[in-house]
Amino acid sequence: MQLLNTLYVTTPDSYLRLENDTLRVEVEHEVKLRVPLHHVGSVVCMGNVGLSTPLIHRLAEGGISLVLLDHNGRFKARMEGPVSGNVLLRQMQHRRSNEAAFALEVARACVAGKIRNARQVLQRGARESKIDQDAASITRGADNLAASLRALPDAGDLDTLRGIEGEAARQYFACLGLLVRADAREAFPMAGRTRRPPRDRTNALLSFFYAMWMNDCRSALEAVGLDPQIGFLHAVRPGRAALALDLMEEFRPFADRLALTLINREQVKRDDFEEREGGAVALKPDARRSVVVAYQERKQEELTHPLLAQPLALGLIPLVQARLLARHIRGETEGYLPFIAR
């Protein structure tokens, strides 16, 4: 299993070419990077990046996905070659998605994983807070998430479950700003979650990380043969990778924690962001590169998987979870167990 097999291209006006089965990155006709294609599993282009037609054909032939994101990190398109994987698994997935009890059970597990990991973010923040009033508020938020967890088993349908998840998210994001260093809160306010577009620096950073996690979760599902479009928690809509969004839920708090780390350690600063027309806030190109590096480094850190009882790089855990989900869809296991950080 390869971990660092995604090439992120973030420099505006870059141009990608094919050169003897090697991907060549040029900026203003100057070669900046050469990468052998056998080392690449996917290519992610952010913003205004050009590609040659021969390279696009070669990526498709090699089963190397090409993902296009806008400058904010928002998903625009994905190109891949012929679909691989077990068609029988996908047939089973489609049938199971129409079984109300099965869909609810998987969706409940996804929400439980998200809330448990989010609660750990708050609990850790409360322990580390140097302001007693903030620590008390964060602890109350963690207690509210515990109440949401207790309510999950009684959710008898998806709408009720989504309502619990939505209230938990509201409580969580109401506290998240208190985990930002006091002297950084003016530059990085966090009164709640805003998106499409993000309206402040903190939300812009979160959206950027969520976009990268989304791509990794989708790739993990495709690697095990599942259809990323057919989910259980998220409703099926044209153009929406519903199952990737389902799988991503348990990993959102990891993105939040990394964003807080970069802010609190001053690895991202006020001037790393720009305000665009309409009030949208986005990372500047140079800052995007440093944030991508931080994300890739975070993916190399090892965590103990509770089910496998062995350390794994964080970047490989979405693939493990996708395999666990596939086993449950096949009926080989009794339930889906989300990844809970220890």
C-alpha atoms as a PDB file:
ATOM      1  CA  MET A   1       0.000   0.000   0.000  1.00  0.00           C
ATOM      2  CA  GLN A   2       1.399   3.363  -1.005  1.00  0.00           C
ATOM      3  CA  LEU A   3       0.792   6.355   1.181  1.00  0.00           C
ATOM      4  CA  LEU A   4       2.295   9.353  -0.547  1.00  0.00           C
ATOM      5  CA  ASN A   5       0.983   8.552  -4.037  1.00  0.00           C
ATOM      6  CA  THR A   6      -1.072  11.694  -4.606  1.00  0.00           C
ATOM      7  CA  LEU A   7       0.565  14.563  -6.468  1.00  0.00           C
ATOM      8  CA  TYR A   8      -0.900  17.951  -5.510  1.00  0.00           C
ATOM      9  CA  VAL A   9      -0.278  20.774  -7.989  1.00  0.00           C
ATOM     10  CA  THR A  10      -1.072  24.124  -6.353  1.00  0.00           C
ATOM     11  CA  THR A  11       1.085  26.672  -8.226  1.00  0.00           C
ATOM     12  CA  PRO A  12      -1.093  28.920 -10.424  1.00  0.00           C
ATOM     13  CA  ASP A  13      -0.506  28.650 -14.186  1.00  0.00           C
ATOM     14  CA  SER A  14       1.398  25.375 -13.879  1.00  0.00           C
ATOM     15  CA  TYR A  15       1.369  23.138 -16.945  1.00  0.00           C
ATOM     16  CA  LEU A  16       1.650  19.343 -16.791  1.00  0.00           C
ATOM     17  CA  ARG A  17       3.109  17.318 -19.660  1.00  0.00           C
ATOM     18  CA  LEU A  18       3.964  13.700 -20.439  1.00  0.00           C
ATOM     19  CA  GLU A  19       7.670  12.983 -20.938  1.00  0.00           C
ATOM     20  CA  ASN A  20       8.747   9.346 -21.443  1.00  0.00           C
ATOM     21  CA  ASP A  21       6.201   7.982 -18.938  1.00  0.00           C
ATOM     22  CA  THR A  22       7.120  10.743 -16.533  1.00  0.00           C
ATOM     23  CA  LEU A  23       4.882  13.601 -15.449  1.00  0.00           C
ATOM     24  CA  ARG A  24       6.627  16.950 -15.953  1.00  0.00           C
ATOM     25  CA  VAL A  25       5.471  20.108 -14.159  1.00  0.00           C
ATOM     26  CA  GLU A  26       6.334  23.439 -15.803  1.00  0.00           C
ATOM     27  CA  VAL A  27       5.814  26.992 -14.584  1.00  0.00           C
ATOM     28  CA  GLU A  28       6.407  29.715 -17.180  1.00  0.00           C
ATOM     29  CA  HIS A  29       8.144  27.131 -19.421  1.00  0.00           C
ATOM     30  CA  GLU A  30      10.599  26.221 -16.646  1.00  0.00           C
ATOM     31  CA  VAL A  31      10.620  22.598 -15.447  1.00  0.00           C
ATOM     32  CA  LYS A  32       9.919  22.491 -11.706  1.00  0.00           C
ATOM     33  CA  LEU A  33       9.334  18.778 -11.131  1.00  0.00           C
ATOM     34  CA  ARG A  34       9.538  15.366 -12.804  1.00  0.00           C
ATOM     35  CA  VAL A  35       7.719  12.381 -11.314  1.00  0.00           C
ATOM     36  CA  PRO A  36       7.700   8.835 -12.779  1.00  0.00           C
ATOM     37  CA  LEU A  37       4.083   7.867 -13.336  1.00  0.00           C
ATOM     38  CA  HIS A  38       4.523   4.475 -11.672  1.00  0.00           C
ATOM     39  CA  HIS A  39       4.933   6.392  -8.392  1.00  0.00           C
ATOM     40  CA  VAL A  40       1.647   8.293  -8.822  1.00  0.00           C
ATOM     41  CA  GLY A  41      -1.807   7.037  -7.859  1.00  0.00           C
ATOM     42  CA  SER A  42      -3.689  10.287  -8.442  1.00  0.00           C
ATOM     43  CA  VAL A  43      -3.083  13.871  -9.529  1.00  0.00           C
ATOM     44  CA  VAL A  44      -4.923  16.733  -7.836  1.00  0.00           C
ATOM     45  CA  CYS A  45      -4.853  20.127  -9.576  1.00  0.00           C
ATOM     46  CA  MET A  46      -5.922  23.219  -7.641  1.00  0.00           C
ATOM     47  CA  GLY A  47      -6.933  26.357  -9.469  1.00  0.00           C
ATOM     48  CA  ASN A  48      -5.615  27.350 -12.888  1.00  0.00           C
ATOM     49  CA  VAL A  49      -3.502  24.345 -13.915  1.00  0.00           C
ATOM     50  CA  GLY A  50      -3.149  23.117 -17.498  1.00  0.00           C
ATOM     51  CA  LEU A  51      -2.554  19.579 -18.789  1.00  0.00           C
ATOM     52  CA  SER A  52      -1.502  18.219 -22.160  1.00  0.00           C
ATOM     53  CA  THR A  53      -3.824  15.837 -23.991  1.00  0.00           C
ATOM     54  CA  PRO A  54      -1.193  13.032 -24.165  1.00  0.00           C
ATOM     55  CA  LEU A  55      -0.806  13.213 -20.393  1.00  0.00           C
ATOM     56  CA  ILE A  56      -4.567  13.018 -19.845  1.00  0.00           C
ATOM     57  CA  HIS A  57      -4.748   9.909 -22.049  1.00  0.00           C
ATOM     58  CA  ARG A  58      -1.808   8.313 -20.225  1.00  0.00           C
ATOM     59  CA  LEU A  59      -3.368   8.960 -16.811  1.00  0.00           C
ATOM     60  CA  ALA A  60      -6.601   7.322 -17.964  1.00  0.00           C
ATOM     61  CA  GLU A  61      -4.775   4.320 -19.421  1.00  0.00           C
ATOM     62  CA  GLY A  62      -2.775   3.859 -16.220  1.00  0.00           C
ATOM     63  CA  GLY A  63      -5.773   4.047 -13.913  1.00  0.00           C
ATOM     64  CA  ILE A  64      -4.399   7.273 -12.395  1.00  0.00           C
ATOM     65  CA  SER A  65      -7.239   9.550 -11.346  1.00  0.00           C
ATOM     66  CA  LEU A  66      -7.186  13.245 -12.211  1.00  0.00           C
ATOM     67  CA  VAL A  67      -9.021  15.528  -9.780  1.00  0.00           C
ATOM     68  CA  LEU A  68      -9.754  19.188 -10.444  1.00  0.00           C
ATOM     69  CA  LEU A  69     -10.377  21.543  -7.514  1.00  0.00           C
ATOM     70  CA  ASP A  70     -10.910  25.281  -7.610  1.00  0.00           C
ATOM     71  CA  HIS A  71      -8.548  27.676  -5.818  1.00  0.00           C
ATOM     72  CA  ASN A  72     -10.592  27.255  -2.610  1.00  0.00           C
ATOM     73  CA  GLY A  73     -10.137  23.483  -2.709  1.00  0.00           C
ATOM     74  CA  ARG A  74     -13.740  22.862  -3.768  1.00  0.00           C
ATOM     75  CA  PHE A  75     -14.305  19.795  -5.943  1.00  0.00           C
ATOM     76  CA  LYS A  76     -14.979  20.517  -9.609  1.00  0.00           C
ATOM     77  CA  ALA A  77     -14.397  17.287 -11.544  1.00  0.00           C
ATOM     78  CA  ARG A  78     -12.736  13.895 -11.544  1.00  0.00           C
ATOM     79  CA  MET A  79     -11.472  11.862 -14.486  1.00  0.00           C
ATOM     80  CA  GLU A  80     -10.548   8.207 -14.422  1.00  0.00           C
ATOM     81  CA  GLY A  81     -10.226   5.281 -16.794  1.00  0.00           C
ATOM     82  CA  PRO A  82     -12.489   2.210 -16.969  1.00  0.00           C
ATOM     83  CA  VAL A  83     -14.053   1.396 -13.613  1.00  0.00           C
ATOM     84  CA  SER A  84     -12.368  -1.481 -11.842  1.00  0.00           C
ATOM     85  CA  GLY A  85     -13.480  -3.430  -8.817  1.00  0.00           C
ATOM     86  CA  ASN A  86     -15.973  -6.148  -8.062  1.00  0.00           C
ATOM     87  CA  VAL A  87     -19.261  -5.501  -9.845  1.00  0.00           C
ATOM     88  CA  LEU A  88     -20.975  -7.972  -7.509  1.00  0.00           C
ATOM     89  CA  LEU A  89     -19.929  -5.854  -4.539  1.00  0.00           C
ATOM     90  CA  ARG A  90     -21.396  -2.780  -6.190  1.00  0.00           C
ATOM     91  CA  GLN A  91     -24.626  -4.605  -6.921  1.00  0.00           C
ATOM     92  CA  MET A  92     -24.839  -5.603  -3.270  1.00  0.00           C
ATOM     93  CA  GLN A  93     -24.083  -2.020  -2.210  1.00  0.00           C
ATOM     94  CA  HIS A  94     -26.915  -0.695  -4.382  1.00  0.00           C
ATOM     95  CA  ARG A  95     -29.360  -3.225  -2.945  1.00  0.00           C
ATOM     96  CA  ARG A  96     -28.293  -2.538   0.633  1.00  0.00           C
ATOM     97  CA  SER A  97     -28.673   1.220   0.158  1.00  0.00           C
ATOM     98  CA  ASN A  98     -32.403   0.609  -0.405  1.00  0.00           C
ATOM     99  CA  GLU A  99     -32.747  -1.455   2.790  1.00  0.00           C
ATOM    100  CA  ALA A 100     -33.928   1.103   5.344  1.00  0.00           C
ATOM    101  CA  ALA A 101     -32.677  -0.779   8.418  1.00  0.00           C
ATOM    102  CA  PHE A 102     -29.238  -1.449   6.938  1.00  0.00           C
ATOM    103  CA  ALA A 103     -28.819   2.128   5.684  1.00  0.00           C
ATOM    104  CA  LEU A 104     -29.811   3.518   9.078  1.00  0.00           C
ATOM    105  CA  GLU A 105     -27.384   1.242  10.903  1.00  0.00           C
ATOM    106  CA  VAL A 106     -24.419   2.245   8.707  1.00  0.00           C
ATOM    107  CA  ALA A 107     -25.391   5.907   8.859  1.00  0.00           C
ATOM    108  CA  ARG A 108     -25.615   5.725  12.658  1.00  0.00           C
ATOM    109  CA  ALA A 109     -22.095   4.274  12.811  1.00  0.00           C
ATOM    110  CA  CYS A 110     -20.750   7.104  10.609  1.00  0.00           C
ATOM    111  CA  VAL A 111     -22.356   9.753  12.818  1.00  0.00           C
ATOM    112  CA  ALA A 112     -21.169   8.036  16.000  1.00  0.00           C
ATOM    113  CA  GLY A 113     -17.588   7.986  14.707  1.00  0.00           C
ATOM    114  CA  LYS A 114     -17.740  11.670  13.838  1.00  0.00           C
ATOM    115  CA  ILE A 115     -19.187  12.730  17.200  1.00  0.00           C
ATOM    116  CA  ARG A 116     -16.802  10.557  19.237  1.00  0.00           C
ATOM    117  CA  ASN A 117     -13.746  11.948  17.467  1.00  0.00           C
ATOM    118  CA  ALA A 118     -15.114  15.498  17.690  1.00  0.00           C
ATOM    119  CA  ARG A 119     -15.698  15.045  21.418  1.00  0.00           C
ATOM    120  CA  GLN A 120     -12.069  13.993  21.828  1.00  0.00           C
ATOM    121  CA  VAL A 121     -10.983  17.213  20.115  1.00  0.00           C
ATOM    122  CA  LEU A 122     -12.980  19.214  22.669  1.00  0.00           C
ATOM    123  CA  GLN A 123     -11.838  17.152  25.642  1.00  0.00           C
ATOM    124  CA  ARG A 124      -8.225  17.623  24.655  1.00  0.00           C
ATOM    125  CA  GLY A 125      -8.817  21.332  24.139  1.00  0.00           C
ATOM    126  CA  ALA A 126     -10.373  21.655  27.592  1.00  0.00           C
ATOM    127  CA  ARG A 127      -7.366  19.954  29.194  1.00  0.00           C
ATOM    128  CA  GLU A 128      -4.904  22.198  27.379  1.00  0.00           C
ATOM    129  CA  SER A 129      -6.794  25.472  27.812  1.00  0.00           C
ATOM    130  CA  LYS A 130      -5.078  28.080  29.962  1.00  0.00           C
ATOM    131  CA  ILE A 131      -8.299  30.059  30.515  1.00  0.00           C
ATOM    132  CA  ASP A 132     -10.639  28.556  33.116  1.00  0.00           C
ATOM    133  CA  GLN A 133     -13.782  30.058  31.602  1.00  0.00           C
ATOM    134  CA  ASP A 134     -12.905  28.683  28.165  1.00  0.00           C
ATOM    135  CA  ALA A 135     -12.140  25.258  29.634  1.00  0.00           C
ATOM    136  CA  ALA A 136     -15.543  25.190  31.328  1.00  0.00           C
ATOM    137  CA  SER A 137     -17.338  26.156  28.083  1.00  0.00           C
ATOM    138  CA  ILE A 138     -15.434  23.552  26.083  1.00  0.00           C
ATOM    139  CA  THR A 139     -16.217  20.891  28.677  1.00  0.00           C
ATOM    140  CA  ARG A 140     -19.931  21.736  28.442  1.00  0.00           C
ATOM    141  CA  GLY A 141     -19.666  21.335  24.693  1.00  0.00           C
ATOM    142  CA  ALA A 142     -18.061  17.910  25.118  1.00  0.00           C
ATOM    143  CA  ASP A 143     -20.877  16.947  27.520  1.00  0.00           C
ATOM    144  CA  ASN A 144     -23.432  18.028  24.913  1.00  0.00           C
ATOM    145  CA  LEU A 145     -21.761  15.757  22.371  1.00  0.00           C
ATOM    146  CA  ALA A 146     -21.957  12.903  24.880  1.00  0.00           C
ATOM    147  CA  ALA A 147     -25.709  13.545  25.090  1.00  0.00           C
ATOM    148  CA  SER A 148     -25.917  13.386  21.289  1.00  0.00           C
ATOM    149  CA  LEU A 149     -24.150  10.026  21.352  1.00  0.00           C
ATOM    150  CA  ARG A 150     -26.661   8.710  23.880  1.00  0.00           C
ATOM    151  CA  ALA A 151     -29.496   9.822  21.600  1.00  0.00           C
ATOM    152  CA  LEU A 152     -28.228   7.949  18.540  1.00  0.00           C
ATOM    153  CA  PRO A 153     -29.647   4.488  19.370  1.00  0.00           C
ATOM    154  CA  ASP A 154     -33.169   5.948  19.595  1.00  0.00           C
ATOM    155  CA  ALA A 155     -33.018   7.545  16.136  1.00  0.00           C
ATOM    156  CA  GLY A 156     -35.582   5.515  14.200  1.00  0.00           C
ATOM    157  CA  ASP A 157     -35.048   7.045  10.770  1.00  0.00           C
ATOM    158  CA  LEU A 158     -32.473   8.939   8.757  1.00  0.00           C
ATOM    159  CA  ASP A 159     -34.127  12.328   9.211  1.00  0.00           C
ATOM    160  CA  THR A 160     -33.987  11.998  12.999  1.00  0.00           C
ATOM    161  CA  LEU A 161     -30.400  10.811  12.815  1.00  0.00           C
ATOM    162  CA  ARG A 162     -29.422  13.754  10.604  1.00  0.00           C
ATOM    163  CA  GLY A 163     -31.103  16.080  13.063  1.00  0.00           C
ATOM    164  CA  ILE A 164     -28.984  14.725  15.923  1.00  0.00           C
ATOM    165  CA  GLU A 165     -25.843  15.028  13.801  1.00  0.00           C
ATOM    166  CA  GLY A 166     -26.705  18.597  12.833  1.00  0.00           C
ATOM    167  CA  GLU A 167     -27.254  19.673  16.438  1.00  0.00           C
ATOM    168  CA  ALA A 168     -24.015  17.991  17.516  1.00  0.00           C
ATOM    169  CA  ALA A 169     -22.153  19.837  14.751  1.00  0.00           C
ATOM    170  CA  ARG A 170     -23.680  23.140  15.860  1.00  0.00           C
ATOM    171  CA  GLN A 171     -22.581  22.548  19.467  1.00  0.00           C
ATOM    172  CA  TYR A 172     -19.122  21.485  18.350  1.00  0.00           C
ATOM    173  CA  PHE A 173     -18.403  24.443  16.079  1.00  0.00           C
ATOM    174  CA  ALA A 174     -19.725  26.827  18.717  1.00  0.00           C
ATOM    175  CA  CYS A 175     -16.833  25.654  20.916  1.00  0.00           C
ATOM    176  CA  LEU A 176     -14.128  25.198  18.288  1.00  0.00           C
ATOM    177  CA  GLY A 177     -13.125  28.866  18.302  1.00  0.00           C
ATOM    178  CA  LEU A 178     -12.190  28.557  21.970  1.00  0.00           C
ATOM    179  CA  LEU A 179      -9.451  26.107  20.977  1.00  0.00           C
ATOM    180  CA  VAL A 180      -7.708  28.872  19.050  1.00  0.00           C
ATOM    181  CA  ARG A 181      -5.046  30.714  21.039  1.00  0.00           C
ATOM    182  CA  ALA A 182      -6.477  33.823  22.673  1.00  0.00           C
ATOM    183  CA  ASP A 183      -4.040  36.125  20.882  1.00  0.00           C
ATOM    184  CA  ALA A 184      -4.934  34.607  17.496  1.00  0.00           C
ATOM    185  CA  ARG A 185      -8.728  34.783  17.760  1.00  0.00           C
ATOM    186  CA  GLU A 186      -9.045  38.188  16.141  1.00  0.00           C
ATOM    187  CA  ALA A 187      -7.280  36.931  13.012  1.00  0.00           C
ATOM    188  CA  PHE A 188      -8.910  33.484  13.163  1.00  0.00           C
ATOM    189  CA  PRO A 189     -12.478  33.913  14.423  1.00  0.00           C
ATOM    190  CA  MET A 190     -14.782  30.906  14.557  1.00  0.00           C
ATOM    191  CA  ALA A 191     -18.391  31.699  15.396  1.00  0.00           C
ATOM    192  CA  GLY A 192     -19.709  28.696  13.500  1.00  0.00           C
ATOM    193  CA  ARG A 193     -19.287  26.742  10.293  1.00  0.00           C
ATOM    194  CA  THR A 194     -19.619  28.633   6.999  1.00  0.00           C
ATOM    195  CA  ARG A 195     -18.972  27.150   3.569  1.00  0.00           C
ATOM    196  CA  ARG A 196     -19.666  27.647  -0.132  1.00  0.00           C
ATOM    197  CA  PRO A 197     -17.951  29.999   0.317  1.00  0.00           C
ATOM    198  CA  PRO A 198     -16.126  30.091   3.672  1.00  0.00           C
ATOM    199  CA  ARG A 199     -16.437  33.541   5.223  1.00  0.00           C
ATOM    200  CA  ASP A 200     -13.414  33.642   7.519  1.00  0.00           C
ATOM    201  CA  ARG A 201      -9.851  32.319   7.670  1.00  0.00           C
ATOM    202  CA  THR A 202     -10.611  29.393   9.968  1.00  0.00           C
ATOM    203  CA  ASN A 203     -13.453  28.148   7.803  1.00  0.00           C
ATOM    204  CA  ALA A 204     -11.327  28.585   4.678  1.00  0.00           C
ATOM    205  CA  LEU A 205      -8.648  26.365   6.203  1.00  0.00           C
ATOM    206  CA  LEU A 206     -11.196  23.754   7.299  1.00  0.00           C
ATOM    207  CA  SER A 207     -12.801  23.663   3.854  1.00  0.00           C
ATOM    208  CA  PHE A 208      -9.404  23.173   2.258  1.00  0.00           C
ATOM    209  CA  PHE A 209      -8.598  20.188   4.505  1.00  0.00           C
ATOM    210  CA  TYR A 210     -12.073  18.696   4.046  1.00  0.00           C
ATOM    211  CA  ALA A 211     -11.606  18.788   0.263  1.00  0.00           C
ATOM    212  CA  MET A 212      -8.381  16.785   0.538  1.00  0.00           C
ATOM    213  CA  TRP A 213      -9.901  14.274   2.965  1.00  0.00           C
ATOM    214  CA  MET A 214     -12.866  13.920   0.622  1.00  0.00           C
ATOM    215  CA  ASN A 215     -10.588  13.047  -2.280  1.00  0.00           C
ATOM    216  CA  ASP A 216      -8.671  10.485  -0.197  1.00  0.00           C
ATOM    217  CA  CYS A 217     -11.890   8.844   1.033  1.00  0.00           C
ATOM    218  CA  ARG A 218     -13.266   8.621  -2.481  1.00  0.00           C
ATOM    219  CA  SER A 219     -10.040   7.057  -3.725  1.00  0.00           C
ATOM    220  CA  ALA A 220     -10.129   4.526  -0.873  1.00  0.00           C
ATOM    221  CA  LEU A 221     -13.684   3.464  -1.744  1.00  0.00           C
ATOM    222  CA  GLU A 222     -12.838   3.077  -5.417  1.00  0.00           C
ATOM    223  CA  ALA A 223      -9.745   1.060  -4.499  1.00  0.00           C
ATOM    224  CA  VAL A 224     -11.860  -1.596  -2.766  1.00  0.00           C
ATOM    225  CA  GLY A 225     -14.510  -1.630  -5.509  1.00  0.00           C
ATOM    226  CA  LEU A 226     -17.303   0.373  -3.892  1.00  0.00           C
ATOM    227  CA  ASP A 227     -19.372   2.992  -5.710  1.00  0.00           C
ATOM    228  CA  PRO A 228     -18.612   6.375  -4.083  1.00  0.00           C
ATOM    229  CA  GLN A 229     -21.917   7.805  -5.365  1.00  0.00           C
ATOM    230  CA  ILE A 230     -24.227   5.493  -3.411  1.00  0.00           C
ATOM    231  CA  GLY A 231     -24.241   6.356   0.289  1.00  0.00           C
ATOM    232  CA  PHE A 232     -26.263   5.648   3.391  1.00  0.00           C
ATOM    233  CA  LEU A 233     -26.168   8.811   5.533  1.00  0.00           C
ATOM    234  CA  HIS A 234     -25.950  11.359   2.723  1.00  0.00           C
ATOM    235  CA  ALA A 235     -28.779  11.429   0.215  1.00  0.00           C
ATOM    236  CA  VAL A 236     -28.023  10.465  -3.359  1.00  0.00           C
ATOM    237  CA  ARG A 237     -27.840  13.493  -5.663  1.00  0.00           C
ATOM    238  CA  PRO A 238     -26.369  13.968  -9.151  1.00  0.00           C
ATOM    239  CA  GLY A 239     -22.675  14.768  -8.876  1.00  0.00           C
ATOM    240  CA  ARG A 240     -22.452  14.012  -5.147  1.00  0.00           C
ATOM    241  CA  ALA A 241     -20.088  11.307  -3.895  1.00  0.00           C
ATOM    242  CA  ALA A 242     -22.464  10.359  -1.085  1.00  0.00           C
ATOM    243  CA  LEU A 243     -20.551   7.329   0.211  1.00  0.00           C
ATOM    244  CA  ALA A 244     -17.281   9.280   0.240  1.00  0.00           C
ATOM    245  CA  LEU A 245     -19.039  11.892   2.376  1.00  0.00           C
ATOM    246  CA  ASP A 246     -20.265   9.116   4.675  1.00  0.00           C
ATOM    247  CA  LEU A 247     -16.775   7.695   5.116  1.00  0.00           C
ATOM    248  CA  MET A 248     -15.292  11.146   5.547  1.00  0.00           C
ATOM    249  CA  GLU A 249     -17.453  11.994   8.581  1.00  0.00           C
ATOM    250  CA  GLU A 250     -15.250  10.156  11.074  1.00  0.00           C
ATOM    251  CA  PHE A 251     -12.156  11.916   9.689  1.00  0.00           C
ATOM    252  CA  ARG A 252     -13.428  15.514   9.828  1.00  0.00           C
ATOM    253  CA  PRO A 253     -12.156  16.027  13.415  1.00  0.00           C
ATOM    254  CA  PHE A 254      -8.649  15.063  12.234  1.00  0.00           C
ATOM    255  CA  ALA A 255      -8.841  17.937   9.744  1.00  0.00           C
ATOM    256  CA  ASP A 256     -10.080  20.252  12.502  1.00  0.00           C
ATOM    257  CA  ARG A 257      -7.228  19.284  14.814  1.00  0.00           C
ATOM    258  CA  LEU A 258      -4.605  19.883  12.121  1.00  0.00           C
ATOM    259  CA  ALA A 259      -6.121  23.275  11.285  1.00  0.00           C
ATOM    260  CA  LEU A 260      -5.984  24.280  14.958  1.00  0.00           C
ATOM    261  CA  THR A 261      -2.376  23.109  15.213  1.00  0.00           C
ATOM    262  CA  LEU A 262      -1.300  25.204  12.231  1.00  0.00           C
ATOM    263  CA  ILE A 263      -3.075  28.262  13.614  1.00  0.00           C
ATOM    264  CA  ASN A 264      -1.832  27.906  17.185  1.00  0.00           C
ATOM    265  CA  ARG A 265       1.761  27.260  16.092  1.00  0.00           C
ATOM    266  CA  GLU A 266       1.591  30.222  13.712  1.00  0.00           C
ATOM    267  CA  GLN A 267       2.352  28.010  10.732  1.00  0.00           C
ATOM    268  CA  VAL A 268      -0.502  29.813   8.983  1.00  0.00           C
ATOM    269  CA  LYS A 269      -0.972  33.536   9.544  1.00  0.00           C
ATOM    270  CA  ARG A 270      -3.426  36.306   8.847  1.00  0.00           C
ATOM    271  CA  ASP A 271      -1.644  37.350   5.650  1.00  0.00           C
ATOM    272  CA  ASP A 272      -1.785  33.826   4.197  1.00  0.00           C
ATOM    273  CA  PHE A 273      -5.423  34.462   3.219  1.00  0.00           C
ATOM    274  CA  GLU A 274      -7.189  36.777   0.815  1.00  0.00           C
ATOM    275  CA  GLU A 275     -10.764  37.963   0.574  1.00  0.00           C
ATOM    276  CA  ARG A 276     -12.395  37.475  -2.782  1.00  0.00           C
ATOM    277  CA  GLU A 277     -15.437  38.981  -4.434  1.00  0.00           C
ATOM    278  CA  GLY A 278     -18.607  38.271  -2.493  1.00  0.00           C
ATOM    279  CA  GLY A 279     -16.871  37.899   0.854  1.00  0.00           C
ATOM    280  CA  ALA A 280     -15.262  34.503   0.247  1.00  0.00           C
ATOM    281  CA  VAL A 281     -11.962  33.907   2.040  1.00  0.00           C
ATOM    282  CA  ALA A 282      -9.291  31.653   0.511  1.00  0.00           C
ATOM    283  CA  LEU A 283      -5.706  30.593   1.070  1.00  0.00           C
ATOM    284  CA  LYS A 284      -3.092  32.316  -1.071  1.00  0.00           C
ATOM    285  CA  PRO A 285      -1.095  30.062  -3.453  1.00  0.00           C
ATOM    286  CA  ASP A 286       2.094  29.987  -1.347  1.00  0.00           C
ATOM    287  CA  ALA A 287       0.101  29.174   1.770  1.00  0.00           C
ATOM    288  CA  ARG A 288      -1.728  26.387  -0.062  1.00  0.00           C
ATOM    289  CA  ARG A 289       1.575  24.677  -0.767  1.00  0.00           C
ATOM    290  CA  SER A 290       2.663  24.774   2.874  1.00  0.00           C
ATOM    291  CA  VAL A 291      -0.743  23.525   4.042  1.00  0.00           C
ATOM    292  CA  VAL A 292      -0.609  20.608   1.595  1.00  0.00           C
ATOM    293  CA  VAL A 293       2.842  19.688   2.934  1.00  0.00           C
ATOM    294  CA  ALA A 294       1.482  19.777   6.503  1.00  0.00           C
ATOM    295  CA  TYR A 295      -1.422  17.530   5.446  1.00  0.00           C
ATOM    296  CA  GLN A 296       0.890  15.021   3.796  1.00  0.00           C
ATOM    297  CA  GLU A 297       3.149  14.976   6.848  1.00  0.00           C
ATOM    298  CA  ARG A 298       0.152  14.423   9.118  1.00  0.00           C
ATOM    299  CA  LYS A 299      -0.889  11.438   7.011  1.00  0.00           C
ATOM    300  CA  GLN A 300       2.430   9.767   7.771  1.00  0.00           C
ATOM    301  CA  GLU A 301       1.885   9.839  11.547  1.00  0.00           C
ATOM    302  CA  GLU A 302       1.037   6.456  12.995  1.00  0.00           C
ATOM    303  CA  LEU A 303      -2.062   5.724  15.048  1.00  0.00           C
ATOM    304  CA  THR A 304      -3.167   2.439  16.582  1.00  0.00           C
ATOM    305  CA  HIS A 305      -6.191   1.002  14.826  1.00  0.00           C
ATOM    306  CA  PRO A 306      -8.479  -0.374  17.576  1.00  0.00           C
ATOM    307  CA  LEU A 307      -9.780  -3.274  15.497  1.00  0.00           C
ATOM    308  CA  LEU A 308      -6.477  -4.339  13.948  1.00  0.00           C
ATOM    309  CA  ALA A 309      -4.567  -3.571  17.170  1.00  0.00           C
ATOM    310  CA  GLN A 310      -1.551  -2.360  15.238  1.00  0.00           C
ATOM    311  CA  PRO A 311      -0.100   1.033  14.299  1.00  0.00           C
ATOM    312  CA  LEU A 312      -1.003   2.409  10.881  1.00  0.00           C
ATOM    313  CA  ALA A 313      -0.184   5.638   9.095  1.00  0.00           C
ATOM    314  CA  LEU A 314      -3.208   7.935   9.249  1.00  0.00           C
ATOM    315  CA  GLY A 315      -3.184   8.189   5.458  1.00  0.00           C
ATOM    316  CA  LEU A 316      -3.868   4.452   5.148  1.00  0.00           C
ATOM    317  CA  ILE A 317      -6.780   4.331   7.590  1.00  0.00           C
ATOM    318  CA  PRO A 318      -9.448   5.449   5.049  1.00  0.00           C
ATOM    319  CA  LEU A 319      -8.467   2.430   2.927  1.00  0.00           C
ATOM    320  CA  VAL A 320      -8.787   0.121   5.936  1.00  0.00           C
ATOM    321  CA  GLN A 321     -12.187   1.609   6.781  1.00  0.00           C
ATOM    322  CA  ALA A 322     -13.347   1.228   3.187  1.00  0.00           C
ATOM    323  CA  ARG A 323     -12.412  -2.458   3.342  1.00  0.00           C
ATOM    324  CA  LEU A 324     -14.293  -2.872   6.628  1.00  0.00           C
ATOM    325  CA  LEU A 325     -17.345  -1.244   5.065  1.00  0.00           C
ATOM    326  CA  ALA A 326     -17.121  -3.533   2.024  1.00  0.00           C
ATOM    327  CA  ARG A 327     -16.995  -6.576   4.305  1.00  0.00           C
ATOM    328  CA  HIS A 328     -20.112  -5.406   6.130  1.00  0.00           C
ATOM    329  CA  ILE A 329     -21.967  -4.788   2.869  1.00  0.00           C
ATOM    330  CA  ARG A 330     -21.096  -8.335   1.778  1.00  0.00           C
ATOM    331  CA  GLY A 331     -22.510  -9.630   5.070  1.00  0.00           C
ATOM    332  CA  GLU A 332     -19.145 -10.866   6.371  1.00  0.00           C
ATOM    333  CA  THR A 333     -19.343  -8.772   9.562  1.00  0.00           C
ATOM    334  CA  GLU A 334     -22.219  -7.785  11.822  1.00  0.00           C
ATOM    335  CA  GLY A 335     -21.650  -4.048  11.698  1.00  0.00           C
ATOM    336  CA  TYR A 336     -19.444  -1.239  10.466  1.00  0.00           C
ATOM    337  CA  LEU A 337     -16.978   0.036  13.077  1.00  0.00           C
ATOM    338  CA  PRO A 338     -15.798   3.621  12.481  1.00  0.00           C
ATOM    339  CA  PHE A 339     -12.237   4.588  13.326  1.00  0.00           C
ATOM    340  CA  ILE A 340     -12.019   6.196  16.742  1.00  0.00           C
ATOM    341  CA  ALA A 341      -8.768   7.939  17.673  1.00  0.00           C
ATOM    342  CA  ARG A 342      -7.140   6.917  20.923  1.00  0.00           C
END
